[in-house]
């Protein structure tokens, strides 16, 4: 009799667990607006690096709507699960090629040019920004009416050997007479002749929180 009771209890417990327990399996996610590897990591409870390693052909900053993303070991609930809600971060985020995630308040498309430490490019003042700080990679000149001085940004979309590959954190600490409206001037090391190769590029600027 005891064996029968134990067996019945075991069967009942097995049924209960199978009815409400999430199972880990591979899953294919279709990208929607504003999806990032970070958000998918939170949504499916899978480490971000695991997802990125399984989708090496997808650039973290070029995730397009409709793309298929493989989620290895995703936690998926069965139809009769009590709670299938997903909590996503409320902040907008952008992920750097390094995997670092930055929260931003606004994204703008701007035209970018490049300048150097040459005095002729800095009103005769030499290698310092508007505040007197030494010019360095990460310094950008802006129109303060468009982007307030002191603003931190994540800049991506440029193509230049003298700058970090894929994107960089920058600070608006400089301005210039020709930098007006929807435009930024990015400091680059090297000569004026080298900087001229930058030309005019369309880049994305994320205003960081």
N, C-alpha and C. Protein backbone atom coordinates (compact mmCIF):
# COMPACT_ATOMS: atom_id res chain seq x y z
N UNK A 1 0.84 -1.20 0.00
CA UNK A 1 0.00 0.00 0.00
C UNK A 1 0.88 1.26 0.00
N UNK A 2 1.93 1.26 0.87
CA UNK A 2 2.80 2.42 0.92
C UNK A 2 3.49 2.65 -0.41
N UNK A 3 3.90 1.53 -1.05
CA UNK A 3 4.57 1.67 -2.35
C UNK A 3 3.65 2.30 -3.37
N UNK A 4 2.36 1.92 -3.33
CA UNK A 4 1.39 2.46 -4.27
C UNK A 4 1.19 3.95 -4.04
N UNK A 5 1.14 4.38 -2.77
CA UNK A 5 0.95 5.79 -2.43
C UNK A 5 2.16 6.61 -2.90
N UNK A 6 3.38 6.06 -2.64
CA UNK A 6 4.60 6.77 -3.05
C UNK A 6 4.67 6.90 -4.57
N UNK A 7 4.30 5.82 -5.27
CA UNK A 7 4.32 5.85 -6.73
C UNK A 7 3.34 6.88 -7.26
N UNK A 8 2.15 6.94 -6.68
CA UNK A 8 1.13 7.90 -7.11
C UNK A 8 1.60 9.33 -6.87
N UNK A 9 2.23 9.55 -5.72
CA UNK A 9 2.72 10.89 -5.40
C UNK A 9 3.81 11.31 -6.37
N UNK A 10 4.69 10.35 -6.72
CA UNK A 10 5.79 10.65 -7.65
C UNK A 10 5.24 11.02 -9.02
N UNK A 11 4.21 10.29 -9.46
CA UNK A 11 3.60 10.58 -10.77
C UNK A 11 2.95 11.95 -10.74
N UNK A 12 2.25 12.27 -9.65
CA UNK A 12 1.58 13.56 -9.54
C UNK A 12 2.58 14.70 -9.55
N UNK A 13 3.70 14.52 -8.82
CA UNK A 13 4.74 15.54 -8.78
C UNK A 13 5.37 15.74 -10.15
N UNK A 14 5.59 14.64 -10.86
CA UNK A 14 6.18 14.72 -12.20
C UNK A 14 5.28 15.49 -13.14
N UNK A 15 3.96 15.25 -13.06
CA UNK A 15 3.01 15.96 -13.92
C UNK A 15 3.00 17.44 -13.59
N UNK A 16 3.03 17.77 -12.29
CA UNK A 16 3.01 19.17 -11.87
C UNK A 16 4.23 19.91 -12.36
N UNK A 17 5.40 19.28 -12.24
CA UNK A 17 6.62 19.92 -12.68
C UNK A 17 6.65 20.13 -14.18
N UNK A 18 6.21 19.12 -14.93
CA UNK A 18 6.24 19.23 -16.39
C UNK A 18 5.25 20.25 -16.88
N UNK A 19 4.22 20.55 -16.11
CA UNK A 19 3.19 21.50 -16.54
C UNK A 19 3.65 22.94 -16.41
N UNK A 20 4.51 23.22 -15.41
CA UNK A 20 4.82 24.63 -15.19
C UNK A 20 6.29 25.00 -15.23
N UNK A 21 7.18 24.06 -15.49
CA UNK A 21 8.61 24.34 -15.45
C UNK A 21 9.12 24.75 -16.82
N UNK A 22 9.95 25.79 -16.84
CA UNK A 22 10.52 26.24 -18.10
C UNK A 22 11.60 25.26 -18.54
N UNK A 23 11.72 25.09 -19.83
CA UNK A 23 12.71 24.18 -20.38
C UNK A 23 13.73 24.97 -21.18
N UNK A 24 14.97 24.55 -21.09
CA UNK A 24 16.04 25.21 -21.83
C UNK A 24 16.19 24.55 -23.20
N UNK A 25 16.14 25.34 -24.25
CA UNK A 25 16.29 24.81 -25.59
C UNK A 25 16.74 25.93 -26.52
N UNK A 26 17.18 25.57 -27.71
CA UNK A 26 17.56 26.58 -28.69
C UNK A 26 16.30 27.26 -29.20
N UNK A 27 16.41 28.55 -29.43
CA UNK A 27 15.25 29.32 -29.87
C UNK A 27 15.69 30.32 -30.92
N UNK A 28 14.84 30.58 -31.90
CA UNK A 28 15.14 31.58 -32.91
C UNK A 28 14.28 32.81 -32.66
N UNK A 29 14.93 33.93 -32.45
CA UNK A 29 14.24 35.19 -32.17
C UNK A 29 14.26 36.07 -33.42
N UNK A 30 13.12 36.64 -33.77
CA UNK A 30 13.04 37.58 -34.89
C UNK A 30 13.17 38.99 -34.34
N UNK A 31 14.16 39.73 -34.81
CA UNK A 31 14.45 41.06 -34.29
C UNK A 31 13.31 42.03 -34.57
N UNK A 32 12.95 42.79 -33.52
CA UNK A 32 11.98 43.87 -33.67
C UNK A 32 12.69 45.18 -33.34
N UNK A 33 11.98 46.30 -33.44
CA UNK A 33 12.60 47.60 -33.21
C UNK A 33 13.28 47.72 -31.87
N UNK A 34 14.48 48.29 -31.86
CA UNK A 34 15.27 48.56 -30.65
C UNK A 34 15.80 47.32 -29.94
N UNK A 35 15.73 46.15 -30.55
CA UNK A 35 16.33 44.95 -29.95
C UNK A 35 17.85 45.11 -29.90
N UNK A 36 18.44 44.62 -28.83
CA UNK A 36 19.90 44.56 -28.70
C UNK A 36 20.24 43.21 -28.08
N UNK A 37 21.50 42.81 -28.17
CA UNK A 37 21.92 41.57 -27.53
C UNK A 37 21.68 41.64 -26.02
N UNK A 38 21.84 42.84 -25.46
CA UNK A 38 21.63 43.02 -24.03
C UNK A 38 20.17 42.74 -23.66
N UNK A 39 19.23 43.29 -24.44
CA UNK A 39 17.81 43.07 -24.16
C UNK A 39 17.43 41.61 -24.33
N UNK A 40 17.99 40.97 -25.35
CA UNK A 40 17.69 39.55 -25.58
C UNK A 40 18.24 38.70 -24.44
N UNK A 41 19.39 39.12 -23.89
CA UNK A 41 19.96 38.41 -22.76
C UNK A 41 19.02 38.44 -21.56
N UNK A 42 18.42 39.61 -21.31
CA UNK A 42 17.48 39.75 -20.20
C UNK A 42 16.18 39.00 -20.49
N UNK A 43 15.73 39.09 -21.74
CA UNK A 43 14.46 38.47 -22.10
C UNK A 43 14.49 36.95 -21.98
N UNK A 44 15.58 36.34 -22.45
CA UNK A 44 15.65 34.88 -22.47
C UNK A 44 16.50 34.29 -21.34
N UNK A 45 17.04 35.18 -20.50
CA UNK A 45 17.84 34.73 -19.35
C UNK A 45 19.03 33.87 -19.79
N UNK A 46 19.70 34.36 -20.82
CA UNK A 46 20.89 33.70 -21.36
C UNK A 46 22.02 34.74 -21.35
N UNK A 47 23.23 34.40 -20.91
CA UNK A 47 24.33 35.36 -20.91
C UNK A 47 24.52 36.01 -22.27
N UNK A 48 24.75 37.32 -22.26
CA UNK A 48 24.88 38.06 -23.52
C UNK A 48 26.01 37.50 -24.38
N UNK A 49 27.14 37.13 -23.76
CA UNK A 49 28.27 36.59 -24.52
C UNK A 49 27.88 35.29 -25.22
N UNK A 50 27.05 34.46 -24.58
CA UNK A 50 26.60 33.21 -25.19
C UNK A 50 25.80 33.49 -26.46
N UNK A 51 24.93 34.48 -26.39
CA UNK A 51 24.12 34.84 -27.57
C UNK A 51 25.01 35.41 -28.66
N UNK A 52 25.94 36.28 -28.28
CA UNK A 52 26.83 36.89 -29.28
C UNK A 52 27.71 35.84 -29.95
N UNK A 53 28.21 34.88 -29.17
CA UNK A 53 29.05 33.83 -29.74
C UNK A 53 28.28 32.96 -30.73
N UNK A 54 26.96 32.82 -30.51
CA UNK A 54 26.14 32.01 -31.39
C UNK A 54 25.68 32.78 -32.63
N UNK A 55 25.96 34.09 -32.66
CA UNK A 55 25.51 34.92 -33.78
C UNK A 55 26.63 35.86 -34.22
N UNK A 56 27.81 35.28 -34.49
CA UNK A 56 28.98 36.08 -34.82
C UNK A 56 28.84 36.83 -36.14
N UNK A 57 27.90 36.41 -36.98
CA UNK A 57 27.71 37.10 -38.26
C UNK A 57 26.90 38.38 -38.11
N UNK A 58 26.32 38.60 -36.93
CA UNK A 58 25.50 39.80 -36.69
C UNK A 58 26.31 40.81 -35.90
N UNK A 59 26.52 42.00 -36.48
CA UNK A 59 27.26 43.04 -35.78
C UNK A 59 26.37 43.63 -34.70
N UNK A 60 26.88 43.78 -33.47
CA UNK A 60 26.06 44.29 -32.37
C UNK A 60 25.39 45.64 -32.64
N UNK A 61 26.03 46.47 -33.47
CA UNK A 61 25.48 47.80 -33.75
C UNK A 61 24.71 47.85 -35.07
N UNK A 62 24.49 46.69 -35.66
CA UNK A 62 23.78 46.67 -36.94
C UNK A 62 22.71 45.58 -36.92
N UNK A 63 21.95 45.53 -35.85
CA UNK A 63 20.89 44.55 -35.71
C UNK A 63 19.62 45.11 -36.37
N UNK A 64 19.23 44.52 -37.49
CA UNK A 64 18.13 45.03 -38.28
C UNK A 64 16.83 44.28 -38.00
N UNK A 65 15.71 45.01 -38.10
CA UNK A 65 14.39 44.40 -37.91
C UNK A 65 14.20 43.25 -38.90
N UNK A 66 13.73 42.10 -38.41
CA UNK A 66 13.50 40.94 -39.25
C UNK A 66 14.62 39.92 -39.22
N UNK A 67 15.80 40.31 -38.70
CA UNK A 67 16.91 39.36 -38.59
C UNK A 67 16.53 38.21 -37.66
N UNK A 68 17.13 37.05 -37.92
CA UNK A 68 16.92 35.88 -37.07
C UNK A 68 18.13 35.72 -36.15
N UNK A 69 17.87 35.68 -34.85
CA UNK A 69 18.92 35.54 -33.86
C UNK A 69 18.74 34.22 -33.13
N UNK A 70 19.79 33.41 -33.10
CA UNK A 70 19.74 32.13 -32.38
C UNK A 70 19.99 32.38 -30.90
N UNK A 71 19.08 31.87 -30.07
CA UNK A 71 19.22 32.00 -28.62
C UNK A 71 19.47 30.61 -28.05
N UNK A 72 20.73 30.24 -27.83
CA UNK A 72 21.02 28.90 -27.30
C UNK A 72 20.63 28.80 -25.83
N UNK A 73 20.02 27.67 -25.46
CA UNK A 73 19.66 27.46 -24.06
C UNK A 73 18.62 28.42 -23.54
N UNK A 74 17.72 28.87 -24.43
CA UNK A 74 16.70 29.84 -24.02
C UNK A 74 15.69 29.21 -23.09
N UNK A 75 15.25 29.98 -22.11
CA UNK A 75 14.20 29.52 -21.21
C UNK A 75 12.86 29.86 -21.83
N UNK A 76 12.13 28.84 -22.24
CA UNK A 76 10.82 29.05 -22.86
C UNK A 76 9.76 28.36 -22.02
N UNK A 77 8.68 29.06 -21.72
CA UNK A 77 7.62 28.52 -20.89
C UNK A 77 6.61 27.75 -21.72
N UNK A 78 6.01 26.74 -21.13
CA UNK A 78 4.97 25.97 -21.82
C UNK A 78 3.69 26.78 -21.85
N UNK A 79 2.74 26.43 -22.74
CA UNK A 79 1.51 27.21 -22.91
C UNK A 79 0.72 27.39 -21.63
N UNK A 80 0.76 26.40 -20.70
CA UNK A 80 -0.05 26.50 -19.50
C UNK A 80 0.71 27.13 -18.34
N UNK A 81 1.84 27.78 -18.60
CA UNK A 81 2.56 28.46 -17.55
C UNK A 81 1.72 29.61 -17.00
N UNK A 82 1.84 29.86 -15.72
CA UNK A 82 1.02 30.89 -15.09
C UNK A 82 1.47 32.27 -15.52
N UNK A 83 2.80 32.48 -15.60
CA UNK A 83 3.30 33.82 -15.89
C UNK A 83 4.34 33.76 -17.00
N UNK A 84 4.03 34.37 -18.13
CA UNK A 84 4.95 34.36 -19.27
C UNK A 84 5.43 35.77 -19.60
N UNK A 85 5.34 36.69 -18.58
CA UNK A 85 5.70 38.07 -18.82
C UNK A 85 7.21 38.21 -18.90
N UNK A 86 7.67 39.19 -19.70
CA UNK A 86 9.09 39.47 -19.85
C UNK A 86 9.35 40.90 -19.42
N UNK A 87 10.34 41.10 -18.56
CA UNK A 87 10.68 42.44 -18.10
C UNK A 87 11.86 42.94 -18.91
N UNK A 88 11.67 44.03 -19.60
CA UNK A 88 12.74 44.62 -20.40
C UNK A 88 13.19 45.93 -19.77
N UNK A 89 14.43 46.33 -19.97
CA UNK A 89 14.89 47.59 -19.39
C UNK A 89 14.13 48.76 -19.98
N UNK A 90 13.82 49.74 -19.13
CA UNK A 90 13.06 50.89 -19.60
C UNK A 90 13.94 51.89 -20.34
N UNK A 91 15.24 51.90 -20.04
CA UNK A 91 16.15 52.84 -20.69
C UNK A 91 16.53 52.38 -22.09
N UNK A 92 16.81 53.34 -22.96
CA UNK A 92 17.37 53.01 -24.27
C UNK A 92 18.84 52.69 -24.05
N UNK A 93 19.33 51.69 -24.74
CA UNK A 93 20.72 51.30 -24.58
C UNK A 93 21.39 51.09 -25.92
N UNK A 94 22.70 51.29 -25.93
CA UNK A 94 23.51 51.00 -27.11
C UNK A 94 24.71 50.21 -26.62
N UNK A 95 25.10 49.20 -27.39
CA UNK A 95 26.20 48.35 -26.98
C UNK A 95 27.44 48.60 -27.84
N UNK A 96 28.56 48.83 -27.17
CA UNK A 96 29.83 49.03 -27.86
C UNK A 96 30.38 47.70 -28.32
N UNK A 97 31.29 47.70 -29.31
CA UNK A 97 31.89 46.44 -29.77
C UNK A 97 32.56 45.66 -28.65
N UNK A 98 32.98 46.35 -27.59
CA UNK A 98 33.60 45.67 -26.45
C UNK A 98 32.60 44.88 -25.63
N UNK A 99 31.31 45.13 -25.86
CA UNK A 99 30.27 44.47 -25.08
C UNK A 99 29.70 45.37 -24.00
N UNK A 100 30.33 46.53 -23.74
CA UNK A 100 29.82 47.47 -22.75
C UNK A 100 28.50 48.07 -23.24
N UNK A 101 27.56 48.20 -22.32
CA UNK A 101 26.24 48.74 -22.65
C UNK A 101 26.11 50.12 -22.04
N UNK A 102 25.67 51.09 -22.85
CA UNK A 102 25.53 52.47 -22.40
C UNK A 102 24.07 52.91 -22.54
N UNK A 103 23.56 53.56 -21.52
CA UNK A 103 22.20 54.11 -21.58
C UNK A 103 22.25 55.49 -22.21
N UNK A 104 21.32 55.77 -23.09
CA UNK A 104 21.30 57.08 -23.73
C UNK A 104 19.89 57.66 -23.72
N UNK A 105 19.81 58.97 -23.81
CA UNK A 105 18.52 59.65 -23.79
C UNK A 105 18.04 60.04 -25.17
N UNK A 106 18.98 60.17 -26.11
CA UNK A 106 18.61 60.63 -27.45
C UNK A 106 19.63 60.15 -28.47
N UNK A 107 19.14 59.80 -29.65
CA UNK A 107 20.02 59.41 -30.75
C UNK A 107 19.83 60.40 -31.90
N UNK A 108 20.92 60.93 -32.43
CA UNK A 108 20.82 61.88 -33.55
C UNK A 108 21.81 61.49 -34.64
N UNK A 109 21.42 61.77 -35.86
CA UNK A 109 22.31 61.57 -37.01
C UNK A 109 22.96 62.90 -37.33
N UNK A 110 24.29 62.90 -37.41
CA UNK A 110 25.00 64.15 -37.66
C UNK A 110 26.07 63.94 -38.72
N UNK A 111 26.48 65.04 -39.33
CA UNK A 111 27.60 65.01 -40.26
C UNK A 111 28.87 65.28 -39.47
N UNK A 112 29.89 64.50 -39.70
CA UNK A 112 31.13 64.63 -38.95
C UNK A 112 32.31 64.96 -39.86
N UNK A 113 33.18 65.83 -39.36
CA UNK A 113 34.46 66.12 -39.99
C UNK A 113 35.53 65.88 -38.93
N UNK A 114 36.80 66.05 -39.31
CA UNK A 114 37.88 65.81 -38.36
C UNK A 114 38.83 66.99 -38.32
N UNK A 115 39.42 67.21 -37.14
CA UNK A 115 40.43 68.26 -37.01
C UNK A 115 41.58 67.76 -36.14
N UNK A 116 42.68 68.47 -36.17
CA UNK A 116 43.89 68.04 -35.46
C UNK A 116 44.32 69.11 -34.44
N UNK A 117 45.51 68.91 -33.87
CA UNK A 117 46.03 69.84 -32.87
C UNK A 117 46.74 71.05 -33.49
N UNK A 118 46.76 71.11 -34.82
CA UNK A 118 47.44 72.22 -35.49
C UNK A 118 46.83 73.56 -35.08
N UNK A 119 47.66 74.54 -34.78
CA UNK A 119 47.17 75.85 -34.35
C UNK A 119 46.27 76.49 -35.41
N UNK A 120 46.59 76.22 -36.68
CA UNK A 120 45.80 76.80 -37.77
C UNK A 120 44.36 76.30 -37.78
N UNK A 121 44.11 75.17 -37.11
CA UNK A 121 42.76 74.63 -37.05
C UNK A 121 42.06 74.97 -35.74
N UNK A 122 42.76 75.67 -34.87
CA UNK A 122 42.21 75.95 -33.55
C UNK A 122 42.28 77.43 -33.19
N UNK A 123 42.05 78.25 -34.20
CA UNK A 123 42.02 79.68 -33.95
C UNK A 123 43.33 80.25 -33.44
N UNK A 124 44.43 79.55 -33.72
CA UNK A 124 45.74 80.02 -33.28
C UNK A 124 46.08 79.65 -31.85
N UNK A 125 45.17 78.96 -31.16
CA UNK A 125 45.38 78.64 -29.75
C UNK A 125 46.18 77.36 -29.55
N UNK A 126 46.28 76.54 -30.55
CA UNK A 126 47.05 75.32 -30.39
C UNK A 126 46.22 74.14 -29.92
N UNK A 127 46.90 73.18 -29.28
CA UNK A 127 46.30 71.88 -29.01
C UNK A 127 45.47 71.84 -27.72
N UNK A 128 44.54 72.76 -27.57
CA UNK A 128 43.65 72.76 -26.41
C UNK A 128 42.21 72.96 -26.86
N UNK A 129 41.26 72.47 -26.02
CA UNK A 129 39.85 72.65 -26.35
C UNK A 129 39.34 73.97 -25.79
N UNK A 130 38.04 74.18 -25.84
CA UNK A 130 37.44 75.44 -25.39
C UNK A 130 37.73 75.73 -23.93
N UNK A 131 37.89 74.67 -23.12
CA UNK A 131 38.12 74.83 -21.68
C UNK A 131 39.61 74.86 -21.32
N UNK A 132 40.47 74.75 -22.33
CA UNK A 132 41.90 74.77 -22.08
C UNK A 132 42.50 73.41 -21.84
N UNK A 133 41.69 72.35 -21.99
CA UNK A 133 42.20 71.00 -21.82
C UNK A 133 42.93 70.54 -23.08
N UNK A 134 43.92 69.68 -22.89
CA UNK A 134 44.67 69.16 -24.03
C UNK A 134 43.76 68.34 -24.93
N UNK A 135 43.86 68.56 -26.23
CA UNK A 135 43.07 67.79 -27.19
C UNK A 135 43.49 66.33 -27.16
N UNK A 136 42.52 65.44 -27.23
CA UNK A 136 42.82 64.00 -27.19
C UNK A 136 41.71 63.25 -27.92
N UNK A 137 41.97 61.99 -28.24
CA UNK A 137 40.94 61.16 -28.86
C UNK A 137 39.76 61.08 -27.91
N UNK A 138 38.59 61.43 -28.40
CA UNK A 138 37.39 61.51 -27.56
C UNK A 138 36.91 62.94 -27.40
N UNK A 139 37.73 63.91 -27.86
CA UNK A 139 37.32 65.31 -27.86
C UNK A 139 36.54 65.59 -29.14
N UNK A 140 35.39 66.25 -29.01
CA UNK A 140 34.66 66.67 -30.21
C UNK A 140 34.23 68.12 -30.05
N UNK A 141 34.17 68.80 -31.18
CA UNK A 141 33.66 70.17 -31.22
C UNK A 141 32.21 70.12 -31.70
N UNK A 142 31.37 70.94 -31.08
CA UNK A 142 29.94 70.92 -31.38
C UNK A 142 29.40 72.34 -31.50
N UNK A 143 28.19 72.43 -31.97
CA UNK A 143 27.42 73.67 -31.89
C UNK A 143 26.66 73.60 -30.57
N UNK A 144 27.00 74.44 -29.57
CA UNK A 144 26.36 74.35 -28.25
C UNK A 144 24.84 74.49 -28.29
N UNK A 145 24.32 75.10 -29.35
CA UNK A 145 22.87 75.22 -29.47
C UNK A 145 22.24 73.87 -29.82
N UNK A 146 23.04 73.00 -30.40
CA UNK A 146 22.58 71.67 -30.80
C UNK A 146 22.92 70.63 -29.74
N UNK A 147 24.18 70.66 -29.27
CA UNK A 147 24.66 69.73 -28.25
C UNK A 147 25.39 70.57 -27.19
N UNK A 148 24.87 70.65 -25.99
CA UNK A 148 25.50 71.48 -24.94
C UNK A 148 26.93 71.05 -24.64
N UNK A 149 27.80 72.01 -24.36
CA UNK A 149 29.17 71.70 -23.96
C UNK A 149 29.15 70.86 -22.69
N UNK A 150 30.03 69.89 -22.63
CA UNK A 150 30.09 68.99 -21.48
C UNK A 150 29.31 67.70 -21.68
N UNK A 151 28.53 67.62 -22.76
CA UNK A 151 27.73 66.43 -23.02
C UNK A 151 28.62 65.24 -23.37
N UNK A 152 28.33 64.08 -22.79
CA UNK A 152 29.03 62.85 -23.14
C UNK A 152 28.20 62.11 -24.19
N UNK A 153 28.89 61.57 -25.19
CA UNK A 153 28.21 60.89 -26.29
C UNK A 153 28.92 59.59 -26.63
N UNK A 154 28.18 58.72 -27.26
CA UNK A 154 28.79 57.54 -27.88
C UNK A 154 28.65 57.76 -29.38
N UNK A 155 29.78 57.79 -30.09
CA UNK A 155 29.80 58.07 -31.52
C UNK A 155 30.12 56.79 -32.28
N UNK A 156 29.33 56.50 -33.30
CA UNK A 156 29.59 55.31 -34.11
C UNK A 156 29.22 55.60 -35.56
N UNK A 157 29.75 54.77 -36.45
CA UNK A 157 29.42 54.93 -37.87
C UNK A 157 30.52 55.57 -38.68
N UNK A 158 31.59 56.02 -38.03
CA UNK A 158 32.71 56.64 -38.76
C UNK A 158 33.67 55.57 -39.27
N UNK A 159 34.55 55.98 -40.16
CA UNK A 159 35.56 55.07 -40.71
C UNK A 159 36.88 55.83 -40.81
N UNK A 160 37.78 55.59 -39.84
CA UNK A 160 39.05 56.31 -39.82
C UNK A 160 40.04 55.54 -38.97
N UNK A 161 41.24 55.32 -39.50
CA UNK A 161 42.24 54.49 -38.81
C UNK A 161 42.73 55.07 -37.49
N UNK A 162 42.67 56.38 -37.33
CA UNK A 162 43.18 56.99 -36.11
C UNK A 162 42.22 57.00 -34.95
N UNK A 163 41.03 56.42 -35.12
CA UNK A 163 40.02 56.41 -34.06
C UNK A 163 39.69 54.98 -33.66
N UNK A 164 39.14 54.78 -32.45
CA UNK A 164 38.77 53.42 -32.02
C UNK A 164 37.83 52.76 -33.01
N UNK A 165 38.07 51.50 -33.30
CA UNK A 165 37.26 50.78 -34.28
C UNK A 165 35.87 50.51 -33.73
N UNK A 166 34.85 50.83 -34.52
CA UNK A 166 33.48 50.50 -34.17
C UNK A 166 32.71 51.56 -33.42
N UNK A 167 33.38 52.39 -32.65
CA UNK A 167 32.69 53.42 -31.88
C UNK A 167 33.54 53.90 -30.72
N UNK A 168 33.17 55.05 -30.15
CA UNK A 168 33.95 55.59 -29.03
C UNK A 168 33.09 56.50 -28.17
N UNK A 169 33.51 56.60 -26.90
CA UNK A 169 32.92 57.57 -25.99
C UNK A 169 33.60 58.91 -26.24
N UNK A 170 32.82 59.97 -26.37
CA UNK A 170 33.37 61.30 -26.64
C UNK A 170 32.71 62.32 -25.71
N UNK A 171 33.39 63.46 -25.57
CA UNK A 171 32.86 64.55 -24.75
C UNK A 171 32.89 65.84 -25.56
N UNK A 172 31.79 66.57 -25.53
CA UNK A 172 31.70 67.84 -26.26
C UNK A 172 32.36 68.93 -25.43
N UNK A 173 33.65 69.14 -25.67
CA UNK A 173 34.39 70.16 -24.91
C UNK A 173 35.02 71.22 -25.80
N UNK A 174 34.60 71.25 -27.06
CA UNK A 174 35.19 72.22 -27.98
C UNK A 174 34.12 72.73 -28.94
N UNK A 175 34.40 73.83 -29.58
CA UNK A 175 33.50 74.36 -30.60
C UNK A 175 34.31 75.17 -31.59
N UNK A 176 33.72 75.43 -32.74
CA UNK A 176 34.44 76.16 -33.78
C UNK A 176 33.48 76.96 -34.64
N UNK A 177 34.02 77.96 -35.31
CA UNK A 177 33.19 78.84 -36.12
C UNK A 177 32.46 78.13 -37.24
N UNK A 178 33.05 77.03 -37.75
CA UNK A 178 32.42 76.32 -38.87
C UNK A 178 31.53 75.17 -38.42
N UNK A 179 31.49 74.92 -37.11
CA UNK A 179 30.68 73.81 -36.59
C UNK A 179 29.32 74.38 -36.21
N UNK A 180 28.38 74.23 -37.11
CA UNK A 180 27.05 74.81 -36.90
C UNK A 180 25.97 73.75 -37.15
N UNK A 181 24.95 73.81 -36.35
CA UNK A 181 23.79 72.94 -36.56
C UNK A 181 24.09 71.48 -36.34
N UNK A 182 23.58 70.67 -37.24
CA UNK A 182 23.64 69.21 -37.12
C UNK A 182 25.00 68.67 -37.59
N UNK A 183 26.05 69.10 -36.90
CA UNK A 183 27.40 68.72 -37.32
C UNK A 183 28.32 68.64 -36.10
N UNK A 184 29.31 67.76 -36.16
CA UNK A 184 30.34 67.69 -35.12
C UNK A 184 31.70 67.63 -35.80
N UNK A 185 32.72 68.04 -35.08
CA UNK A 185 34.10 67.98 -35.56
C UNK A 185 34.86 67.08 -34.58
N UNK A 186 35.42 65.98 -35.05
CA UNK A 186 36.06 64.99 -34.19
C UNK A 186 37.57 65.18 -34.21
N UNK A 187 38.17 65.31 -33.02
CA UNK A 187 39.62 65.43 -32.97
C UNK A 187 40.26 64.10 -33.34
N UNK A 188 41.29 64.17 -34.19
CA UNK A 188 42.05 62.98 -34.56
C UNK A 188 43.54 63.29 -34.43
N UNK A 189 44.34 62.32 -34.01
CA UNK A 189 45.79 62.55 -33.93
C UNK A 189 46.39 62.57 -35.33
N UNK A 190 47.55 63.20 -35.45
CA UNK A 190 48.21 63.23 -36.76
C UNK A 190 48.18 64.61 -37.38
N UNK A 191 48.50 64.63 -38.65
CA UNK A 191 48.63 65.90 -39.37
C UNK A 191 47.31 66.33 -40.01
N UNK A 192 47.27 67.61 -40.37
CA UNK A 192 46.10 68.14 -41.06
C UNK A 192 45.85 67.39 -42.36
N UNK A 193 46.92 67.07 -43.07
CA UNK A 193 46.79 66.34 -44.33
C UNK A 193 46.14 64.97 -44.12
N UNK A 194 46.53 64.30 -43.03
CA UNK A 194 45.92 63.01 -42.73
C UNK A 194 44.45 63.16 -42.38
N UNK A 195 44.15 64.18 -41.59
CA UNK A 195 42.76 64.40 -41.15
C UNK A 195 41.84 64.70 -42.33
N UNK A 196 42.39 65.29 -43.38
CA UNK A 196 41.56 65.61 -44.54
C UNK A 196 40.99 64.35 -45.20
N UNK A 197 41.65 63.21 -44.97
CA UNK A 197 41.16 61.95 -45.54
C UNK A 197 39.85 61.51 -44.90
N UNK A 198 39.55 62.06 -43.72
CA UNK A 198 38.30 61.74 -43.04
C UNK A 198 37.11 62.20 -43.87
N UNK A 199 37.27 63.39 -44.49
CA UNK A 199 36.20 63.94 -45.32
C UNK A 199 34.99 64.32 -44.48
N UNK A 200 33.81 64.13 -45.05
CA UNK A 200 32.55 64.36 -44.35
C UNK A 200 31.82 63.03 -44.26
N UNK A 201 31.53 62.58 -43.06
CA UNK A 201 30.88 61.29 -42.87
C UNK A 201 29.60 61.44 -42.06
N UNK A 202 28.64 60.61 -42.39
CA UNK A 202 27.40 60.57 -41.63
C UNK A 202 27.57 59.59 -40.48
N UNK A 203 27.41 60.06 -39.24
CA UNK A 203 27.61 59.21 -38.08
C UNK A 203 26.39 59.28 -37.17
N UNK A 204 26.34 58.35 -36.23
CA UNK A 204 25.28 58.34 -35.22
C UNK A 204 25.86 58.80 -33.89
N UNK A 205 25.17 59.71 -33.24
CA UNK A 205 25.60 60.21 -31.94
C UNK A 205 24.52 59.88 -30.90
N UNK A 206 24.92 59.16 -29.86
CA UNK A 206 24.01 58.80 -28.78
C UNK A 206 24.35 59.66 -27.57
N UNK A 207 23.43 60.49 -27.13
CA UNK A 207 23.65 61.33 -25.97
C UNK A 207 23.47 60.49 -24.72
N UNK A 208 24.56 60.29 -23.99
CA UNK A 208 24.56 59.37 -22.85
C UNK A 208 23.96 60.02 -21.61
N UNK A 209 23.40 59.18 -20.77
CA UNK A 209 22.84 59.66 -19.51
C UNK A 209 23.95 59.77 -18.46
